[in-house]
Amino acid sequence: MLAKMVAPDWGNKLVTEITPYDVEKLLNKVAVGRARPSKAKPNNRARKLQGPKPTPVRANRTGEVLRKMFT
């Protein structure tokens, strides 16, 4: 989770350089989700995901990890 979502945004920042605004911005980005590719099956409409799928649970889990880290 840290390597896939947190490290690309924060890069080589020191822990002392990270502000609450940075955390909020990251969690909002995670909650919005990412665009999912559509599947090759044309008859199944449920599999055709065009836009980003919201992932608020993933944002909550990421927030829990970050909270533990900073405490």
Protein backbone atom coordinates (compact mmCIF):
# COMPACT_ATOMS: atom_id res chain seq x y z
CA MET A 1 0.00 0.00 0.00
CA LEU A 2 2.79 2.39 0.87
CA ALA A 3 4.80 1.50 -2.21
CA LYS A 4 1.85 1.69 -4.64
CA MET A 5 -0.05 4.73 -3.37
CA VAL A 6 1.99 6.80 -0.95
CA ALA A 7 5.54 6.62 -2.32
CA PRO A 8 4.72 7.84 -5.86
CA ASP A 9 3.10 11.01 -4.49
CA TRP A 10 5.46 11.84 -1.66
CA GLY A 11 8.65 10.53 -3.26
CA ASN A 12 11.73 11.28 -1.17
CA LYS A 13 10.12 13.78 1.22
CA LEU A 14 11.26 13.68 4.80
CA VAL A 15 8.64 12.85 7.41
CA THR A 16 9.08 16.31 8.90
CA GLU A 17 8.21 17.89 5.53
CA ILE A 18 4.82 16.15 5.25
CA THR A 19 1.93 18.37 6.31
CA PRO A 20 -1.67 17.48 7.20
CA TYR A 21 -2.65 19.05 3.87
CA ASP A 22 -0.41 16.52 2.06
CA VAL A 23 -2.13 13.66 3.87
CA GLU A 24 -5.59 15.03 3.08
CA LYS A 25 -4.69 15.52 -0.59
CA LEU A 26 -3.36 11.96 -0.86
CA LEU A 27 -6.41 10.42 0.82
CA ASN A 28 -8.77 12.38 -1.43
CA LYS A 29 -6.85 11.16 -4.47
CA VAL A 30 -7.08 7.55 -3.26
CA ALA A 31 -10.81 7.91 -2.51
CA VAL A 32 -11.57 9.14 -6.04
CA GLY A 33 -10.15 5.90 -7.41
CA ARG A 34 -8.62 5.19 -10.77
CA ALA A 35 -9.96 4.46 -14.22
CA ARG A 36 -10.49 0.78 -14.84
CA PRO A 37 -10.04 -0.81 -18.26
CA SER A 38 -13.12 -2.30 -19.83
CA LYS A 39 -13.23 -6.06 -20.26
CA ALA A 40 -13.26 -7.78 -23.62
CA LYS A 41 -16.69 -9.38 -23.11
CA PRO A 42 -19.17 -7.17 -25.02
CA ASN A 43 -22.34 -8.87 -23.68
CA ASN A 44 -21.68 -8.18 -20.02
CA ARG A 45 -22.58 -4.52 -19.38
CA ALA A 46 -21.57 -4.70 -15.73
CA ARG A 47 -17.94 -5.30 -16.67
CA LYS A 48 -17.61 -2.18 -18.82
CA LEU A 49 -16.22 0.39 -16.40
CA GLN A 50 -15.54 3.64 -18.18
CA GLY A 51 -14.61 6.12 -15.48
CA PRO A 52 -12.91 5.92 -12.13
CA LYS A 53 -14.48 3.70 -9.51
CA PRO A 54 -14.58 5.35 -6.06
CA THR A 55 -12.51 3.58 -3.42
CA PRO A 56 -13.34 5.17 -0.05
CA VAL A 57 -12.52 1.98 1.88
CA ARG A 58 -9.02 1.93 0.43
CA ALA A 59 -8.60 5.58 1.46
CA ASN A 60 -9.67 4.68 5.01
CA ARG A 61 -7.17 1.83 5.17
CA THR A 62 -4.40 4.06 3.82
CA GLY A 63 -5.32 6.67 6.42
CA GLU A 64 -5.06 4.06 9.17
CA VAL A 65 -1.58 3.05 8.01
CA LEU A 66 -0.45 6.67 7.88
CA ARG A 67 -1.95 7.39 11.31
CA LYS A 68 -0.03 4.47 12.81
CA MET A 69 3.15 5.61 11.07
CA PHE A 70 2.97 9.18 12.35
CA THR A 71 2.09 8.21 15.93
